[in-house]
């Protein structure tokens, strides 16, 4: 059965780095407090969602060896669009010189996995190549006097090029879910700042990641012990550890980048994927499990066989 493969990838983070020490100078907090509770040591802050997405998208195209006119569709996952109207994907499409359709997708921190599945579906429906980008600038909707959230957020973008293939595709299975009754736990009203009930988010997030991951793996007759590389949403080091331990996936097979980037929402998973590729953890033939969760409450998992 024809499928899709990831032929290129790229990331972009702002040049400005804000360390825990920087935050400690203006907030009632400390490097030890932040690191112990979140696992974060620094984060990149700056730019707009479209600016970061454009750079990440351009790098993904270059890596894939594709020109803009070879892309049939752009799917931009973001929860921090540049404006209410038009969609930020239109700005990115124009800047990249794409002659393709473009739309925004908002599934909060689950966004990239949602977009990856949507892009895969469009390839199966006939698109030859789809550019999928996750880009967020949570710093723009954060109250920097709120130490519970200011220490967590970071800005960034990650992109991949999905290409149709006559052989087996990389995406083997997926699970997308949402529970709108929990939307009050993590939200941001128009013109307001992020609000998060951290304790409840932790409880629901761990359960969602574990259940969704097991469900997705079961679709292809596998279980967590078969996973070579686990790429979770980077929200909190404690959540990552708890989910990993419950799944029984070894620490050395789990990608953790939250210490350097913080919580970058839709950019989190592609940033972690790029890190796994750079470090050599992600090799051809590896079974990859991606799993995210976010406001909504949404969750999403995908299982891929890297390299087809």
C-alpha atoms as a PDB file:
ATOM      1  CA  UNK A   1       0.000   0.000   0.000  1.00  0.00           C
ATOM      2  CA  UNK A   2       1.394   3.445  -0.913  1.00  0.00           C
ATOM      3  CA  UNK A   3       2.300   5.699   1.976  1.00  0.00           C
ATOM      4  CA  UNK A   4       4.462   8.662   2.910  1.00  0.00           C
ATOM      5  CA  UNK A   5       8.002   9.130   4.132  1.00  0.00           C
ATOM      6  CA  UNK A   6       9.751  12.039   5.832  1.00  0.00           C
ATOM      7  CA  UNK A   7      12.335  13.225   3.322  1.00  0.00           C
ATOM      8  CA  UNK A   8      13.523  16.390   5.044  1.00  0.00           C
ATOM      9  CA  UNK A   9      13.381  18.233   8.322  1.00  0.00           C
ATOM     10  CA  UNK A  10      14.462  21.542   9.798  1.00  0.00           C
ATOM     11  CA  UNK A  11      14.177  23.547  12.996  1.00  0.00           C
ATOM     12  CA  UNK A  12      14.444  27.154  14.128  1.00  0.00           C
ATOM     13  CA  UNK A  13      14.757  28.688  17.580  1.00  0.00           C
ATOM     14  CA  UNK A  14      15.320  32.358  18.440  1.00  0.00           C
ATOM     15  CA  UNK A  15      18.882  33.507  19.104  1.00  0.00           C
ATOM     16  CA  UNK A  16      17.990  34.956  22.500  1.00  0.00           C
ATOM     17  CA  UNK A  17      18.497  32.476  25.354  1.00  0.00           C
ATOM     18  CA  UNK A  18      16.898  33.094  28.752  1.00  0.00           C
ATOM     19  CA  UNK A  19      18.475  31.039  31.530  1.00  0.00           C
ATOM     20  CA  UNK A  20      17.069  30.122  34.912  1.00  0.00           C
ATOM     21  CA  UNK A  21      19.505  32.591  36.433  1.00  0.00           C
ATOM     22  CA  UNK A  22      18.042  35.337  34.242  1.00  0.00           C
ATOM     23  CA  UNK A  23      14.561  34.571  35.552  1.00  0.00           C
ATOM     24  CA  UNK A  24      15.774  34.304  39.136  1.00  0.00           C
ATOM     25  CA  UNK A  25      16.994  37.890  38.933  1.00  0.00           C
ATOM     26  CA  UNK A  26      13.436  39.174  38.496  1.00  0.00           C
ATOM     27  CA  UNK A  27      11.167  36.473  39.916  1.00  0.00           C
ATOM     28  CA  UNK A  28      10.877  34.763  43.286  1.00  0.00           C
ATOM     29  CA  UNK A  29      12.505  31.581  42.036  1.00  0.00           C
ATOM     30  CA  UNK A  30      15.876  29.903  41.587  1.00  0.00           C
ATOM     31  CA  UNK A  31      17.735  27.673  39.172  1.00  0.00           C
ATOM     32  CA  UNK A  32      17.420  24.764  41.613  1.00  0.00           C
ATOM     33  CA  UNK A  33      13.645  25.291  42.030  1.00  0.00           C
ATOM     34  CA  UNK A  34      13.019  25.461  38.277  1.00  0.00           C
ATOM     35  CA  UNK A  35      15.276  22.538  37.396  1.00  0.00           C
ATOM     36  CA  UNK A  36      13.879  20.271  40.106  1.00  0.00           C
ATOM     37  CA  UNK A  37      10.233  20.886  39.179  1.00  0.00           C
ATOM     38  CA  UNK A  38      10.468  21.154  35.393  1.00  0.00           C
ATOM     39  CA  UNK A  39      13.838  19.911  34.176  1.00  0.00           C
ATOM     40  CA  UNK A  40      14.325  23.199  32.293  1.00  0.00           C
ATOM     41  CA  UNK A  41      17.629  25.077  32.426  1.00  0.00           C
ATOM     42  CA  UNK A  42      17.147  27.541  29.589  1.00  0.00           C
ATOM     43  CA  UNK A  43      14.724  28.488  26.820  1.00  0.00           C
ATOM     44  CA  UNK A  44      14.867  30.451  23.544  1.00  0.00           C
ATOM     45  CA  UNK A  45      12.635  33.522  23.412  1.00  0.00           C
ATOM     46  CA  UNK A  46      11.719  35.792  20.508  1.00  0.00           C
ATOM     47  CA  UNK A  47      10.420  36.118  16.975  1.00  0.00           C
ATOM     48  CA  UNK A  48       6.944  35.520  15.673  1.00  0.00           C
ATOM     49  CA  UNK A  49       5.272  32.219  14.887  1.00  0.00           C
ATOM     50  CA  UNK A  50       5.507  32.856  11.143  1.00  0.00           C
ATOM     51  CA  UNK A  51       9.151  33.963  11.263  1.00  0.00           C
ATOM     52  CA  UNK A  52      10.241  30.787  13.026  1.00  0.00           C
ATOM     53  CA  UNK A  53       8.039  28.610  10.813  1.00  0.00           C
ATOM     54  CA  UNK A  54       9.455  30.128   7.638  1.00  0.00           C
ATOM     55  CA  UNK A  55      13.050  29.354   8.598  1.00  0.00           C
ATOM     56  CA  UNK A  56      12.228  25.818   9.768  1.00  0.00           C
ATOM     57  CA  UNK A  57      10.194  25.187   6.609  1.00  0.00           C
ATOM     58  CA  UNK A  58      12.938  26.469   4.330  1.00  0.00           C
ATOM     59  CA  UNK A  59      15.499  24.239   6.043  1.00  0.00           C
ATOM     60  CA  UNK A  60      13.227  21.208   5.692  1.00  0.00           C
ATOM     61  CA  UNK A  61      12.835  21.893   1.963  1.00  0.00           C
ATOM     62  CA  UNK A  62      16.593  22.206   1.576  1.00  0.00           C
ATOM     63  CA  UNK A  63      17.176  18.954   3.441  1.00  0.00           C
ATOM     64  CA  UNK A  64      14.635  17.182   1.235  1.00  0.00           C
ATOM     65  CA  UNK A  65      16.172  18.689  -1.896  1.00  0.00           C
ATOM     66  CA  UNK A  66      12.812  20.098  -2.945  1.00  0.00           C
ATOM     67  CA  UNK A  67      11.867  23.464  -4.408  1.00  0.00           C
ATOM     68  CA  UNK A  68       8.801  25.394  -3.185  1.00  0.00           C
ATOM     69  CA  UNK A  69       6.830  24.639  -6.346  1.00  0.00           C
ATOM     70  CA  UNK A  70       7.062  20.906  -5.602  1.00  0.00           C
ATOM     71  CA  UNK A  71       4.956  21.198  -2.423  1.00  0.00           C
ATOM     72  CA  UNK A  72       1.224  20.523  -2.743  1.00  0.00           C
ATOM     73  CA  UNK A  73       0.077  21.556   0.731  1.00  0.00           C
ATOM     74  CA  UNK A  74       1.237  23.318   3.898  1.00  0.00           C
ATOM     75  CA  UNK A  75      -0.133  22.288   7.283  1.00  0.00           C
ATOM     76  CA  UNK A  76       0.923  24.622  10.103  1.00  0.00           C
ATOM     77  CA  UNK A  77       0.299  23.460  13.661  1.00  0.00           C
ATOM     78  CA  UNK A  78       0.211  26.403  16.047  1.00  0.00           C
ATOM     79  CA  UNK A  79      -1.652  27.661  19.073  1.00  0.00           C
ATOM     80  CA  UNK A  80      -0.117  31.146  18.828  1.00  0.00           C
ATOM     81  CA  UNK A  81      -1.031  32.486  15.359  1.00  0.00           C
ATOM     82  CA  UNK A  82       0.315  35.873  14.322  1.00  0.00           C
ATOM     83  CA  UNK A  83      -3.254  37.155  13.959  1.00  0.00           C
ATOM     84  CA  UNK A  84      -6.835  35.998  14.245  1.00  0.00           C
ATOM     85  CA  UNK A  85      -7.228  36.428  10.481  1.00  0.00           C
ATOM     86  CA  UNK A  86      -5.622  35.440   8.185  1.00  0.00           C
ATOM     87  CA  UNK A  87      -4.190  32.095   9.177  1.00  0.00           C
ATOM     88  CA  UNK A  88      -0.465  32.233   9.849  1.00  0.00           C
ATOM     89  CA  UNK A  89       0.004  29.477   7.275  1.00  0.00           C
ATOM     90  CA  UNK A  90      -0.830  32.043   4.568  1.00  0.00           C
ATOM     91  CA  UNK A  91       2.085  34.224   5.663  1.00  0.00           C
ATOM     92  CA  UNK A  92       4.416  31.220   5.699  1.00  0.00           C
ATOM     93  CA  UNK A  93       3.162  30.001   2.332  1.00  0.00           C
ATOM     94  CA  UNK A  94       3.839  33.370   0.724  1.00  0.00           C
ATOM     95  CA  UNK A  95       7.300  33.774   2.262  1.00  0.00           C
ATOM     96  CA  UNK A  96       8.385  30.313   1.168  1.00  0.00           C
ATOM     97  CA  UNK A  97       7.056  30.815  -2.346  1.00  0.00           C
ATOM     98  CA  UNK A  98       4.749  27.811  -2.223  1.00  0.00           C
ATOM     99  CA  UNK A  99       2.124  27.385  -4.927  1.00  0.00           C
ATOM    100  CA  UNK A 100      -0.022  25.284  -2.641  1.00  0.00           C
ATOM    101  CA  UNK A 101      -2.935  25.243  -0.274  1.00  0.00           C
ATOM    102  CA  UNK A 102      -2.244  26.150   3.332  1.00  0.00           C
ATOM    103  CA  UNK A 103      -4.127  25.939   6.610  1.00  0.00           C
ATOM    104  CA  UNK A 104      -3.564  26.317  10.356  1.00  0.00           C
ATOM    105  CA  UNK A 105      -4.256  23.495  12.788  1.00  0.00           C
ATOM    106  CA  UNK A 106      -4.693  24.176  16.506  1.00  0.00           C
ATOM    107  CA  UNK A 107      -4.488  21.150  18.780  1.00  0.00           C
ATOM    108  CA  UNK A 108      -2.245  22.935  21.294  1.00  0.00           C
ATOM    109  CA  UNK A 109       0.823  20.889  22.260  1.00  0.00           C
ATOM    110  CA  UNK A 110      -0.508  17.833  20.413  1.00  0.00           C
ATOM    111  CA  UNK A 111      -0.509  19.900  17.241  1.00  0.00           C
ATOM    112  CA  UNK A 112       2.487  18.529  15.404  1.00  0.00           C
ATOM    113  CA  UNK A 113       1.382  14.899  15.686  1.00  0.00           C
ATOM    114  CA  UNK A 114      -2.138  15.913  14.605  1.00  0.00           C
ATOM    115  CA  UNK A 115      -0.630  17.766  11.637  1.00  0.00           C
ATOM    116  CA  UNK A 116       1.622  14.842  10.749  1.00  0.00           C
ATOM    117  CA  UNK A 117      -1.370  12.508  10.618  1.00  0.00           C
ATOM    118  CA  UNK A 118      -3.391  15.056   8.622  1.00  0.00           C
ATOM    119  CA  UNK A 119      -0.538  15.526   6.180  1.00  0.00           C
ATOM    120  CA  UNK A 120      -0.172  11.772   5.791  1.00  0.00           C
ATOM    121  CA  UNK A 121      -3.881  11.528   5.023  1.00  0.00           C
ATOM    122  CA  UNK A 122      -3.537  14.163   2.316  1.00  0.00           C
ATOM    123  CA  UNK A 123      -0.695  12.190   0.743  1.00  0.00           C
ATOM    124  CA  UNK A 124      -2.875   9.090   0.700  1.00  0.00           C
ATOM    125  CA  UNK A 125      -5.602  11.223  -0.888  1.00  0.00           C
ATOM    126  CA  UNK A 126      -3.314  12.197  -3.750  1.00  0.00           C
ATOM    127  CA  UNK A 127      -0.939  14.975  -2.667  1.00  0.00           C
ATOM    128  CA  UNK A 128       2.650  14.217  -3.666  1.00  0.00           C
ATOM    129  CA  UNK A 129       4.377  16.322  -1.033  1.00  0.00           C
ATOM    130  CA  UNK A 130       3.141  18.031   2.125  1.00  0.00           C
ATOM    131  CA  UNK A 131       5.107  20.443   4.284  1.00  0.00           C
ATOM    132  CA  UNK A 132       4.182  19.998   7.956  1.00  0.00           C
ATOM    133  CA  UNK A 133       5.324  22.638  10.442  1.00  0.00           C
ATOM    134  CA  UNK A 134       4.873  23.027  14.188  1.00  0.00           C
ATOM    135  CA  UNK A 135       5.590  26.573  15.365  1.00  0.00           C
ATOM    136  CA  UNK A 136       4.721  28.401  18.558  1.00  0.00           C
ATOM    137  CA  UNK A 137       5.711  31.507  20.480  1.00  0.00           C
ATOM    138  CA  UNK A 138       4.194  30.867  23.879  1.00  0.00           C
ATOM    139  CA  UNK A 139       6.218  33.744  25.310  1.00  0.00           C
ATOM    140  CA  UNK A 140       3.751  36.146  23.661  1.00  0.00           C
ATOM    141  CA  UNK A 141       0.796  34.845  25.680  1.00  0.00           C
ATOM    142  CA  UNK A 142       2.651  34.423  28.975  1.00  0.00           C
ATOM    143  CA  UNK A 143       2.520  36.711  31.981  1.00  0.00           C
ATOM    144  CA  UNK A 144       6.213  37.082  32.780  1.00  0.00           C
ATOM    145  CA  UNK A 145       5.383  37.970  36.373  1.00  0.00           C
ATOM    146  CA  UNK A 146       3.734  34.558  36.835  1.00  0.00           C
ATOM    147  CA  UNK A 147       6.577  32.343  37.985  1.00  0.00           C
ATOM    148  CA  UNK A 148       4.565  29.137  37.546  1.00  0.00           C
ATOM    149  CA  UNK A 149       4.361  29.653  33.765  1.00  0.00           C
ATOM    150  CA  UNK A 150       7.155  32.084  32.899  1.00  0.00           C
ATOM    151  CA  UNK A 151       9.768  29.469  33.766  1.00  0.00           C
ATOM    152  CA  UNK A 152       8.201  26.841  31.496  1.00  0.00           C
ATOM    153  CA  UNK A 153       7.617  28.372  28.075  1.00  0.00           C
ATOM    154  CA  UNK A 154       9.939  28.644  25.105  1.00  0.00           C
ATOM    155  CA  UNK A 155       9.628  29.602  21.429  1.00  0.00           C
ATOM    156  CA  UNK A 156      10.558  27.518  18.406  1.00  0.00           C
ATOM    157  CA  UNK A 157       9.569  25.731  15.214  1.00  0.00           C
ATOM    158  CA  UNK A 158      10.158  22.390  13.545  1.00  0.00           C
ATOM    159  CA  UNK A 159       9.198  21.179  10.079  1.00  0.00           C
ATOM    160  CA  UNK A 160       9.171  18.029   7.954  1.00  0.00           C
ATOM    161  CA  UNK A 161       8.523  17.272   4.303  1.00  0.00           C
ATOM    162  CA  UNK A 162       6.211  14.318   3.715  1.00  0.00           C
ATOM    163  CA  UNK A 163       6.562  12.623   0.338  1.00  0.00           C
ATOM    164  CA  UNK A 164       4.445   9.978  -1.343  1.00  0.00           C
ATOM    165  CA  UNK A 165       6.143   6.642  -1.881  1.00  0.00           C
ATOM    166  CA  UNK A 166       5.168   3.533  -3.830  1.00  0.00           C
ATOM    167  CA  UNK A 167       6.648   1.362  -1.103  1.00  0.00           C
ATOM    168  CA  UNK A 168       5.742   1.076   2.586  1.00  0.00           C
ATOM    169  CA  UNK A 169       5.218   4.386   4.331  1.00  0.00           C
ATOM    170  CA  UNK A 170       6.799   5.377   7.622  1.00  0.00           C
ATOM    171  CA  UNK A 171       3.597   6.127   9.536  1.00  0.00           C
ATOM    172  CA  UNK A 172       2.265   2.780  10.754  1.00  0.00           C
ATOM    173  CA  UNK A 173      -0.456   3.782  13.223  1.00  0.00           C
ATOM    174  CA  UNK A 174      -1.873   6.737  15.121  1.00  0.00           C
ATOM    175  CA  UNK A 175      -4.338   7.746  17.786  1.00  0.00           C
ATOM    176  CA  UNK A 176      -5.900  11.208  18.064  1.00  0.00           C
ATOM    177  CA  UNK A 177      -8.115  12.172  20.966  1.00  0.00           C
ATOM    178  CA  UNK A 178      -9.686  15.028  22.878  1.00  0.00           C
ATOM    179  CA  UNK A 179     -11.747  15.622  26.005  1.00  0.00           C
ATOM    180  CA  UNK A 180     -13.313  19.074  25.907  1.00  0.00           C
ATOM    181  CA  UNK A 181     -14.616  18.736  29.469  1.00  0.00           C
ATOM    182  CA  UNK A 182     -11.009  19.342  30.589  1.00  0.00           C
ATOM    183  CA  UNK A 183     -10.508  22.515  28.551  1.00  0.00           C
ATOM    184  CA  UNK A 184     -10.506  24.650  31.718  1.00  0.00           C
ATOM    185  CA  UNK A 185      -7.244  23.074  32.914  1.00  0.00           C
ATOM    186  CA  UNK A 186      -5.104  24.792  30.293  1.00  0.00           C
ATOM    187  CA  UNK A 187      -6.396  27.813  28.431  1.00  0.00           C
ATOM    188  CA  UNK A 188      -5.807  31.329  27.171  1.00  0.00           C
ATOM    189  CA  UNK A 189      -8.679  33.680  26.441  1.00  0.00           C
ATOM    190  CA  UNK A 190      -8.479  36.276  23.658  1.00  0.00           C
ATOM    191  CA  UNK A 191      -6.244  39.073  24.886  1.00  0.00           C
ATOM    192  CA  UNK A 192      -5.319  37.181  28.033  1.00  0.00           C
ATOM    193  CA  UNK A 193      -2.475  35.084  29.363  1.00  0.00           C
ATOM    194  CA  UNK A 194      -1.938  31.372  29.659  1.00  0.00           C
ATOM    195  CA  UNK A 195      -3.565  29.636  32.616  1.00  0.00           C
ATOM    196  CA  UNK A 196      -2.642  26.141  33.706  1.00  0.00           C
ATOM    197  CA  UNK A 197      -3.687  23.870  36.550  1.00  0.00           C
ATOM    198  CA  UNK A 198      -0.361  22.095  36.763  1.00  0.00           C
ATOM    199  CA  UNK A 199      -1.323  19.375  39.223  1.00  0.00           C
ATOM    200  CA  UNK A 200      -4.360  18.241  37.236  1.00  0.00           C
ATOM    201  CA  UNK A 201      -2.560  18.543  33.904  1.00  0.00           C
ATOM    202  CA  UNK A 202       0.178  16.259  35.238  1.00  0.00           C
ATOM    203  CA  UNK A 203      -2.312  13.599  36.266  1.00  0.00           C
ATOM    204  CA  UNK A 204      -4.309  13.629  33.038  1.00  0.00           C
ATOM    205  CA  UNK A 205      -1.273  14.033  30.770  1.00  0.00           C
ATOM    206  CA  UNK A 206       0.581  10.977  32.046  1.00  0.00           C
ATOM    207  CA  UNK A 207      -2.499   8.814  31.718  1.00  0.00           C
ATOM    208  CA  UNK A 208      -3.288  10.155  28.232  1.00  0.00           C
ATOM    209  CA  UNK A 209       0.249   9.545  26.945  1.00  0.00           C
ATOM    210  CA  UNK A 210       0.403   6.017  28.346  1.00  0.00           C
ATOM    211  CA  UNK A 211      -3.047   4.937  27.165  1.00  0.00           C
ATOM    212  CA  UNK A 212      -2.710   6.556  23.734  1.00  0.00           C
ATOM    213  CA  UNK A 213       0.764   5.105  23.199  1.00  0.00           C
ATOM    214  CA  UNK A 214      -0.288   1.575  24.144  1.00  0.00           C
ATOM    215  CA  UNK A 215      -3.377   1.852  21.936  1.00  0.00           C
ATOM    216  CA  UNK A 216      -1.348   3.037  18.949  1.00  0.00           C
ATOM    217  CA  UNK A 217       1.319   0.340  19.302  1.00  0.00           C
ATOM    218  CA  UNK A 218      -1.366  -2.338  19.631  1.00  0.00           C
ATOM    219  CA  UNK A 219      -2.698  -1.407  16.187  1.00  0.00           C
ATOM    220  CA  UNK A 220       0.469  -2.875  14.659  1.00  0.00           C
ATOM    221  CA  UNK A 221       0.827  -5.748  17.117  1.00  0.00           C
ATOM    222  CA  UNK A 222       3.567  -4.133  19.175  1.00  0.00           C
ATOM    223  CA  UNK A 223       4.071  -2.965  22.729  1.00  0.00           C
ATOM    224  CA  UNK A 224       6.351  -0.404  24.422  1.00  0.00           C
ATOM    225  CA  UNK A 225       9.232  -2.885  24.651  1.00  0.00           C
ATOM    226  CA  UNK A 226       9.470  -2.760  20.839  1.00  0.00           C
ATOM    227  CA  UNK A 227      10.042   1.017  20.774  1.00  0.00           C
ATOM    228  CA  UNK A 228      13.549   2.066  19.758  1.00  0.00           C
ATOM    229  CA  UNK A 229      13.032   5.813  20.132  1.00  0.00           C
ATOM    230  CA  UNK A 230      10.377   7.529  22.264  1.00  0.00           C
ATOM    231  CA  UNK A 231       9.751  11.174  21.333  1.00  0.00           C
ATOM    232  CA  UNK A 232       7.319  12.684  23.848  1.00  0.00           C
ATOM    233  CA  UNK A 233       6.011  16.236  24.013  1.00  0.00           C
ATOM    234  CA  UNK A 234       8.446  18.218  26.135  1.00  0.00           C
ATOM    235  CA  UNK A 235       6.163  19.794  28.731  1.00  0.00           C
ATOM    236  CA  UNK A 236       7.811  18.798  31.980  1.00  0.00           C
ATOM    237  CA  UNK A 237      10.653  16.410  32.797  1.00  0.00           C
ATOM    238  CA  UNK A 238       8.564  14.800  35.524  1.00  0.00           C
ATOM    239  CA  UNK A 239       5.730  14.046  33.110  1.00  0.00           C
ATOM    240  CA  UNK A 240       8.187  12.550  30.621  1.00  0.00           C
ATOM    241  CA  UNK A 241       9.757  10.364  33.313  1.00  0.00           C
ATOM    242  CA  UNK A 242       6.424   9.215  34.716  1.00  0.00           C
ATOM    243  CA  UNK A 243       5.057   8.291  31.283  1.00  0.00           C
ATOM    244  CA  UNK A 244       8.274   6.589  30.245  1.00  0.00           C
ATOM    245  CA  UNK A 245       8.420   4.541  33.436  1.00  0.00           C
ATOM    246  CA  UNK A 246       4.791   3.439  33.181  1.00  0.00           C
ATOM    247  CA  UNK A 247       5.346   2.416  29.581  1.00  0.00           C
ATOM    248  CA  UNK A 248       8.539   0.619  30.514  1.00  0.00           C
ATOM    249  CA  UNK A 249      10.658   2.439  27.931  1.00  0.00           C
ATOM    250  CA  UNK A 250      14.316   2.833  29.006  1.00  0.00           C
ATOM    251  CA  UNK A 251      15.646   6.328  29.632  1.00  0.00           C
ATOM    252  CA  UNK A 252      18.333   5.897  26.965  1.00  0.00           C
ATOM    253  CA  UNK A 253      15.628   5.400  24.313  1.00  0.00           C
ATOM    254  CA  UNK A 254      13.740   8.550  25.338  1.00  0.00           C
ATOM    255  CA  UNK A 255      14.466  11.932  23.771  1.00  0.00           C
ATOM    256  CA  UNK A 256      14.623  14.807  26.266  1.00  0.00           C
ATOM    257  CA  UNK A 257      15.271  18.357  25.075  1.00  0.00           C
ATOM    258  CA  UNK A 258      13.200  20.308  27.587  1.00  0.00           C
ATOM    259  CA  UNK A 259      16.345  21.317  29.466  1.00  0.00           C
ATOM    260  CA  UNK A 260      17.435  23.423  26.465  1.00  0.00           C
ATOM    261  CA  UNK A 261      14.156  24.546  24.891  1.00  0.00           C
ATOM    262  CA  UNK A 262      11.460  24.546  27.564  1.00  0.00           C
ATOM    263  CA  UNK A 263       7.880  23.850  26.500  1.00  0.00           C
ATOM    264  CA  UNK A 264       7.595  24.944  22.863  1.00  0.00           C
ATOM    265  CA  UNK A 265       4.090  23.516  22.320  1.00  0.00           C
ATOM    266  CA  UNK A 266       3.591  22.485  18.664  1.00  0.00           C
ATOM    267  CA  UNK A 267       7.342  22.740  18.008  1.00  0.00           C
ATOM    268  CA  UNK A 268       8.233  20.372  20.834  1.00  0.00           C
ATOM    269  CA  UNK A 269       8.077  17.006  19.036  1.00  0.00           C
ATOM    270  CA  UNK A 270       9.858  18.062  15.810  1.00  0.00           C
ATOM    271  CA  UNK A 271      12.596  19.786  17.822  1.00  0.00           C
ATOM    272  CA  UNK A 272      13.089  16.558  19.776  1.00  0.00           C
ATOM    273  CA  UNK A 273      13.033  14.490  16.584  1.00  0.00           C
ATOM    274  CA  UNK A 274      15.744  16.663  15.047  1.00  0.00           C
ATOM    275  CA  UNK A 275      17.824  16.257  18.199  1.00  0.00           C
ATOM    276  CA  UNK A 276      17.502  12.461  17.993  1.00  0.00           C
ATOM    277  CA  UNK A 277      18.728  12.597  14.402  1.00  0.00           C
ATOM    278  CA  UNK A 278      21.648  14.877  15.263  1.00  0.00           C
ATOM    279  CA  UNK A 279      22.821  12.710  18.143  1.00  0.00           C
ATOM    280  CA  UNK A 280      22.467   9.481  16.167  1.00  0.00           C
ATOM    281  CA  UNK A 281      19.814   8.023  18.454  1.00  0.00           C
ATOM    282  CA  UNK A 282      17.349   7.859  15.562  1.00  0.00           C
ATOM    283  CA  UNK A 283      18.649   5.435  12.941  1.00  0.00           C
ATOM    284  CA  UNK A 284      17.101   3.911   9.787  1.00  0.00           C
ATOM    285  CA  UNK A 285      14.754   1.075  10.640  1.00  0.00           C
ATOM    286  CA  UNK A 286      14.044   2.334  14.162  1.00  0.00           C
ATOM    287  CA  UNK A 287      10.533   2.012  15.562  1.00  0.00           C
ATOM    288  CA  UNK A 288       9.579   5.497  16.709  1.00  0.00           C
ATOM    289  CA  UNK A 289       6.807   6.451  19.107  1.00  0.00           C
ATOM    290  CA  UNK A 290       5.709  10.097  19.165  1.00  0.00           C
ATOM    291  CA  UNK A 291       3.184  11.223  21.749  1.00  0.00           C
ATOM    292  CA  UNK A 292       1.854  14.615  22.732  1.00  0.00           C
ATOM    293  CA  UNK A 293      -0.830  16.183  24.908  1.00  0.00           C
ATOM    294  CA  UNK A 294      -2.094  19.686  25.341  1.00  0.00           C
ATOM    295  CA  UNK A 295      -4.900  22.110  26.021  1.00  0.00           C
ATOM    296  CA  UNK A 296      -8.301  21.008  24.899  1.00  0.00           C
ATOM    297  CA  UNK A 297      -7.486  18.567  26.410  1.00  0.00           C
ATOM    298  CA  UNK A 298      -5.999  16.909  23.348  1.00  0.00           C
ATOM    299  CA  UNK A 299      -3.637  13.994  22.915  1.00  0.00           C
ATOM    300  CA  UNK A 300      -2.019  12.325  19.937  1.00  0.00           C
ATOM    301  CA  UNK A 301       0.344   9.414  19.333  1.00  0.00           C
ATOM    302  CA  UNK A 302       1.971   8.075  16.202  1.00  0.00           C
ATOM    303  CA  UNK A 303       4.160   5.051  15.483  1.00  0.00           C
ATOM    304  CA  UNK A 304       6.647   5.271  12.617  1.00  0.00           C
ATOM    305  CA  UNK A 305       9.218   2.940  11.108  1.00  0.00           C
ATOM    306  CA  UNK A 306      11.981   5.428  10.381  1.00  0.00           C
ATOM    307  CA  UNK A 307      13.311   5.131   6.859  1.00  0.00           C
ATOM    308  CA  UNK A 308      10.266   3.269   5.558  1.00  0.00           C
END
